[in-house]
PDB file of all heavy atoms in Angstrom:
ATOM      1  N   ALA A   1       5.018  -3.970   4.429  1.00  0.00           N
ATOM      2  CA  ALA A   1       6.379  -4.134   3.912  1.00  0.00           C
ATOM      3  C   ALA A   1       7.257  -4.906   4.907  1.00  0.00           C
ATOM      4  O   ALA A   1       7.011  -4.897   6.122  1.00  0.00           O
ATOM      5  CB  ALA A   1       6.997  -2.762   3.617  1.00  0.00           C
ATOM      6  N   GLU A   2       8.283  -5.562   4.363  1.00  0.00           N
ATOM      7  CA  GLU A   2       9.232  -6.285   5.199  1.00  0.00           C
ATOM      8  C   GLU A   2      10.446  -5.447   5.535  1.00  0.00           C
ATOM      9  O   GLU A   2      11.213  -5.827   6.436  1.00  0.00           O
ATOM     10  CB  GLU A   2       9.663  -7.568   4.509  1.00  0.00           C
ATOM     11  CG  GLU A   2       8.523  -8.561   4.279  1.00  0.00           C
ATOM     12  CD  GLU A   2       8.968  -9.852   3.647  1.00  0.00           C
ATOM     13  OE1 GLU A   2      10.182  -9.949   3.309  1.00  0.00           O
ATOM     14  OE2 GLU A   2       8.151 -10.759   3.458  1.00  0.00           O
ATOM     15  N   ALA A   3      10.649  -4.329   4.821  1.00  0.00           N
ATOM     16  CA  ALA A   3      11.820  -3.483   5.059  1.00  0.00           C
ATOM     17  C   ALA A   3      11.421  -2.033   4.859  1.00  0.00           C
ATOM     18  O   ALA A   3      10.457  -1.728   4.138  1.00  0.00           O
ATOM     19  CB  ALA A   3      12.945  -3.852   4.099  1.00  0.00           C
ATOM     20  N   PRO A   4      12.135  -1.115   5.501  1.00  0.00           N
ATOM     21  CA  PRO A   4      11.796   0.309   5.370  1.00  0.00           C
ATOM     22  C   PRO A   4      12.225   0.850   4.001  1.00  0.00           C
ATOM     23  O   PRO A   4      12.993   0.256   3.273  1.00  0.00           O
ATOM     24  CB  PRO A   4      12.591   0.953   6.491  1.00  0.00           C
ATOM     25  CG  PRO A   4      13.752   0.023   6.725  1.00  0.00           C
ATOM     26  CD  PRO A   4      13.228  -1.333   6.452  1.00  0.00           C
ATOM     27  N   CYS A   5      11.708   2.038   3.671  1.00  0.00           N
ATOM     28  CA  CYS A   5      12.072   2.696   2.426  1.00  0.00           C
ATOM     29  C   CYS A   5      13.541   3.155   2.486  1.00  0.00           C
ATOM     30  O   CYS A   5      13.978   3.718   3.475  1.00  0.00           O
ATOM     31  CB  CYS A   5      11.161   3.908   2.199  1.00  0.00           C
ATOM     32  SG  CYS A   5       9.426   3.492   2.047  1.00  0.00           S
ATOM     33  N   ALA A   6      14.245   2.916   1.384  1.00  0.00           N
ATOM     34  CA  ALA A   6      15.659   3.253   1.333  1.00  0.00           C
ATOM     35  C   ALA A   6      15.947   4.544   0.577  1.00  0.00           C
ATOM     36  O   ALA A   6      17.013   5.127   0.762  1.00  0.00           O
ATOM     37  CB  ALA A   6      16.469   2.123   0.711  1.00  0.00           C
ATOM     38  N   ASP A   7      14.989   4.980  -0.286  1.00  0.00           N
ATOM     39  CA  ASP A   7      15.226   6.225  -1.028  1.00  0.00           C
ATOM     40  C   ASP A   7      13.891   6.886  -1.346  1.00  0.00           C
ATOM     41  O   ASP A   7      12.829   6.384  -0.983  1.00  0.00           O
ATOM     42  CB  ASP A   7      16.040   5.975  -2.281  1.00  0.00           C
ATOM     43  CG  ASP A   7      15.374   4.988  -3.248  1.00  0.00           C
ATOM     44  OD1 ASP A   7      14.175   4.768  -3.169  1.00  0.00           O
ATOM     45  OD2 ASP A   7      16.110   4.423  -4.119  1.00  0.00           O
ATOM     46  N   ALA A   8      13.975   8.023  -2.047  1.00  0.00           N
ATOM     47  CA  ALA A   8      12.758   8.778  -2.342  1.00  0.00           C
ATOM     48  C   ALA A   8      11.775   7.981  -3.208  1.00  0.00           C
ATOM     49  O   ALA A   8      10.557   8.086  -3.000  1.00  0.00           O
ATOM     50  CB  ALA A   8      13.139  10.085  -3.039  1.00  0.00           C
ATOM     51  N   ASP A   9      12.279   7.190  -4.165  1.00  0.00           N
ATOM     52  CA  ASP A   9      11.390   6.400  -5.014  1.00  0.00           C
ATOM     53  C   ASP A   9      10.627   5.402  -4.169  1.00  0.00           C
ATOM     54  O   ASP A   9       9.405   5.186  -4.404  1.00  0.00           O
ATOM     55  CB  ASP A   9      12.215   5.678  -6.090  1.00  0.00           C
ATOM     56  CG  ASP A   9      12.746   6.618  -7.149  1.00  0.00           C
ATOM     57  OD1 ASP A   9      12.161   7.699  -7.332  1.00  0.00           O
ATOM     58  OD2 ASP A   9      13.749   6.268  -7.781  1.00  0.00           O
ATOM     59  N   ASP A  10      11.292   4.753  -3.236  1.00  0.00           N
ATOM     60  CA  ASP A  10      10.633   3.795  -2.342  1.00  0.00           C
ATOM     61  C   ASP A  10       9.505   4.484  -1.559  1.00  0.00           C
ATOM     62  O   ASP A  10       8.403   3.943  -1.389  1.00  0.00           O
ATOM     63  CB  ASP A  10      11.617   3.190  -1.349  1.00  0.00           C
ATOM     64  CG  ASP A  10      12.566   2.213  -1.976  1.00  0.00           C
ATOM     65  OD1 ASP A  10      12.370   1.816  -3.141  1.00  0.00           O
ATOM     66  OD2 ASP A  10      13.535   1.795  -1.282  1.00  0.00           O
ATOM     67  N   VAL A  11       9.785   5.694  -1.060  1.00  0.00           N
ATOM     68  CA  VAL A  11       8.814   6.427  -0.265  1.00  0.00           C
ATOM     69  C   VAL A  11       7.573   6.740  -1.071  1.00  0.00           C
ATOM     70  O   VAL A  11       6.431   6.531  -0.619  1.00  0.00           O
ATOM     71  CB  VAL A  11       9.434   7.748   0.288  1.00  0.00           C
ATOM     72  CG1 VAL A  11       8.350   8.618   0.936  1.00  0.00           C
ATOM     73  CG2 VAL A  11      10.540   7.429   1.289  1.00  0.00           C
ATOM     74  N   LEU A  12       7.768   7.246  -2.300  1.00  0.00           N
ATOM     75  CA  LEU A  12       6.618   7.639  -3.132  1.00  0.00           C
ATOM     76  C   LEU A  12       5.813   6.411  -3.581  1.00  0.00           C
ATOM     77  O   LEU A  12       4.602   6.517  -3.785  1.00  0.00           O
ATOM     78  CB  LEU A  12       7.107   8.448  -4.301  1.00  0.00           C
ATOM     79  CG  LEU A  12       7.722   9.800  -3.946  1.00  0.00           C
ATOM     80  CD1 LEU A  12       8.302  10.484  -5.173  1.00  0.00           C
ATOM     81  CD2 LEU A  12       6.675  10.691  -3.282  1.00  0.00           C
ATOM     82  N   GLU A  13       6.480   5.297  -3.739  1.00  0.00           N
ATOM     83  CA  GLU A  13       5.737   4.077  -4.088  1.00  0.00           C
ATOM     84  C   GLU A  13       4.939   3.551  -2.885  1.00  0.00           C
ATOM     85  O   GLU A  13       3.798   3.124  -3.041  1.00  0.00           O
ATOM     86  CB  GLU A  13       6.720   2.991  -4.535  1.00  0.00           C
ATOM     87  CG  GLU A  13       6.042   1.699  -4.972  1.00  0.00           C
ATOM     88  CD  GLU A  13       7.005   0.639  -5.484  1.00  0.00           C
ATOM     89  OE1 GLU A  13       8.210   0.974  -5.630  1.00  0.00           O
ATOM     90  OE2 GLU A  13       6.578  -0.488  -5.709  1.00  0.00           O
ATOM     91  N   ALA A  14       5.532   3.632  -1.698  1.00  0.00           N
ATOM     92  CA  ALA A  14       4.862   3.120  -0.501  1.00  0.00           C
ATOM     93  C   ALA A  14       3.743   4.055  -0.040  1.00  0.00           C
ATOM     94  O   ALA A  14       2.711   3.589   0.490  1.00  0.00           O
ATOM     95  CB  ALA A  14       5.870   2.932   0.614  1.00  0.00           C
ATOM     96  N   PHE A  15       3.957   5.375  -0.219  1.00  0.00           N
ATOM     97  CA  PHE A  15       2.994   6.358   0.257  1.00  0.00           C
ATOM     98  C   PHE A  15       2.678   7.357  -0.856  1.00  0.00           C
ATOM     99  O   PHE A  15       3.205   8.499  -0.870  1.00  0.00           O
ATOM    100  CB  PHE A  15       3.568   7.097   1.483  1.00  0.00           C
ATOM    101  CG  PHE A  15       3.972   6.199   2.595  1.00  0.00           C
ATOM    102  CD1 PHE A  15       5.331   5.888   2.801  1.00  0.00           C
ATOM    103  CD2 PHE A  15       3.026   5.652   3.456  1.00  0.00           C
ATOM    104  CE1 PHE A  15       5.706   5.048   3.838  1.00  0.00           C
ATOM    105  CE2 PHE A  15       3.412   4.809   4.498  1.00  0.00           C
ATOM    106  CZ  PHE A  15       4.737   4.511   4.688  1.00  0.00           C
ATOM    107  N   PRO A  16       1.851   6.973  -1.810  1.00  0.00           N
ATOM    108  CA  PRO A  16       1.541   7.875  -2.916  1.00  0.00           C
ATOM    109  C   PRO A  16       0.721   9.081  -2.517  1.00  0.00           C
ATOM    110  O   PRO A  16       0.636  10.074  -3.249  1.00  0.00           O
ATOM    111  CB  PRO A  16       0.726   6.972  -3.872  1.00  0.00           C
ATOM    112  CG  PRO A  16       0.167   5.883  -3.020  1.00  0.00           C
ATOM    113  CD  PRO A  16       1.183   5.660  -1.946  1.00  0.00           C
ATOM    114  N   HIS A  17       0.117   9.037  -1.341  1.00  0.00           N
ATOM    115  CA  HIS A  17      -0.674  10.156  -0.828  1.00  0.00           C
ATOM    116  C   HIS A  17      -0.305  10.479   0.611  1.00  0.00           C
ATOM    117  O   HIS A  17       0.124   9.605   1.360  1.00  0.00           O
ATOM    118  CB  HIS A  17      -2.179   9.825  -0.898  1.00  0.00           C
ATOM    119  CG  HIS A  17      -2.625   9.375  -2.251  1.00  0.00           C
ATOM    120  ND1 HIS A  17      -2.735  10.222  -3.350  1.00  0.00           N
ATOM    121  CD2 HIS A  17      -2.987   8.150  -2.720  1.00  0.00           C
ATOM    122  CE1 HIS A  17      -3.152   9.549  -4.382  1.00  0.00           C
ATOM    123  NE2 HIS A  17      -3.287   8.283  -4.042  1.00  0.00           N
ATOM    124  N   GLY A  18      -0.441  11.723   0.979  1.00  0.00           N
ATOM    125  CA  GLY A  18      -0.245  12.129   2.368  1.00  0.00           C
ATOM    126  C   GLY A  18       1.027  12.889   2.639  1.00  0.00           C
ATOM    127  O   GLY A  18       1.064  13.721   3.566  1.00  0.00           O
ATOM    128  N   ILE A  19       2.086  12.645   1.895  1.00  0.00           N
ATOM    129  CA  ILE A  19       3.345  13.337   2.081  1.00  0.00           C
ATOM    130  C   ILE A  19       3.347  14.614   1.218  1.00  0.00           C
ATOM    131  O   ILE A  19       2.928  14.585   0.052  1.00  0.00           O
ATOM    132  CB  ILE A  19       4.550  12.435   1.694  1.00  0.00           C
ATOM    133  CG1 ILE A  19       4.576  11.187   2.598  1.00  0.00           C
ATOM    134  CG2 ILE A  19       5.863  13.201   1.831  1.00  0.00           C
ATOM    135  CD1 ILE A  19       5.587  10.164   2.148  1.00  0.00           C
ATOM    136  N   ASP A  20       3.852  15.701   1.776  1.00  0.00           N
ATOM    137  CA  ASP A  20       3.889  16.968   1.053  1.00  0.00           C
ATOM    138  C   ASP A  20       5.213  17.185   0.344  1.00  0.00           C
ATOM    139  O   ASP A  20       5.255  17.606  -0.806  1.00  0.00           O
ATOM    140  CB  ASP A  20       3.615  18.121   2.017  1.00  0.00           C
ATOM    141  CG  ASP A  20       2.219  18.029   2.642  1.00  0.00           C
ATOM    142  OD1 ASP A  20       1.250  18.264   1.904  1.00  0.00           O
ATOM    143  OD2 ASP A  20       2.117  17.657   3.807  1.00  0.00           O
ATOM    144  N   LEU A  21       6.331  16.893   1.034  1.00  0.00           N
ATOM    145  CA  LEU A  21       7.660  17.085   0.441  1.00  0.00           C
ATOM    146  C   LEU A  21       8.511  15.855   0.738  1.00  0.00           C
ATOM    147  O   LEU A  21       8.410  15.301   1.844  1.00  0.00           O
ATOM    148  CB  LEU A  21       8.359  18.304   1.031  1.00  0.00           C
ATOM    149  CG  LEU A  21       7.723  19.706   0.786  1.00  0.00           C
ATOM    150  CD1 LEU A  21       8.504  20.758   1.534  1.00  0.00           C
ATOM    151  CD2 LEU A  21       7.676  20.022  -0.692  1.00  0.00           C
ATOM    152  N   VAL A  22       9.321  15.478  -0.225  1.00  0.00           N
ATOM    153  CA  VAL A  22      10.246  14.374   0.001  1.00  0.00           C
ATOM    154  C   VAL A  22      11.639  14.795  -0.432  1.00  0.00           C
ATOM    155  O   VAL A  22      11.824  15.358  -1.512  1.00  0.00           O
ATOM    156  CB  VAL A  22       9.822  13.075  -0.723  1.00  0.00           C
ATOM    157  CG1 VAL A  22       9.709  13.290  -2.231  1.00  0.00           C
ATOM    158  CG2 VAL A  22      10.776  11.930  -0.429  1.00  0.00           C
ATOM    159  N   VAL A  23      12.599  14.574   0.434  1.00  0.00           N
ATOM    160  CA  VAL A  23      14.000  14.848   0.124  1.00  0.00           C
ATOM    161  C   VAL A  23      14.521  13.761  -0.811  1.00  0.00           C
ATOM    162  O   VAL A  23      14.457  12.563  -0.483  1.00  0.00           O
ATOM    163  CB  VAL A  23      14.847  14.885   1.425  1.00  0.00           C
ATOM    164  CG1 VAL A  23      16.334  15.000   1.062  1.00  0.00           C
ATOM    165  CG2 VAL A  23      14.417  16.065   2.289  1.00  0.00           C
ATOM    166  N   ASP A  24      15.036  14.149  -1.944  1.00  0.00           N
ATOM    167  CA  ASP A  24      15.588  13.221  -2.926  1.00  0.00           C
ATOM    168  C   ASP A  24      17.098  13.289  -2.826  1.00  0.00           C
ATOM    169  O   ASP A  24      17.729  14.184  -3.412  1.00  0.00           O
ATOM    170  CB  ASP A  24      15.085  13.554  -4.338  1.00  0.00           C
ATOM    171  CG  ASP A  24      15.363  12.413  -5.315  1.00  0.00           C
ATOM    172  OD1 ASP A  24      16.212  11.574  -5.013  1.00  0.00           O
ATOM    173  OD2 ASP A  24      14.776  12.427  -6.397  1.00  0.00           O
ATOM    174  N   ALA A  25      17.672  12.401  -2.068  1.00  0.00           N
ATOM    175  CA  ALA A  25      19.112  12.370  -1.851  1.00  0.00           C
ATOM    176  C   ALA A  25      19.622  10.980  -2.105  1.00  0.00           C
ATOM    177  O   ALA A  25      18.942  10.148  -2.697  1.00  0.00           O
ATOM    178  CB  ALA A  25      19.457  12.835  -0.420  1.00  0.00           C
ATOM    179  N   ALA A  26      20.830  10.675  -1.671  1.00  0.00           N
ATOM    180  CA  ALA A  26      21.431   9.359  -1.909  1.00  0.00           C
ATOM    181  C   ALA A  26      20.610   8.248  -1.233  1.00  0.00           C
ATOM    182  O   ALA A  26      19.945   8.494  -0.224  1.00  0.00           O
ATOM    183  CB  ALA A  26      22.856   9.350  -1.391  1.00  0.00           C
TER     184      ALA A  26
END
């Protein structure tokens, strides 16, 4: 990626496996 994840949707798209919990905030 050229930029970091900005929200929960970005995180789950970038890392569909391995993360247990994701904070869904602004």
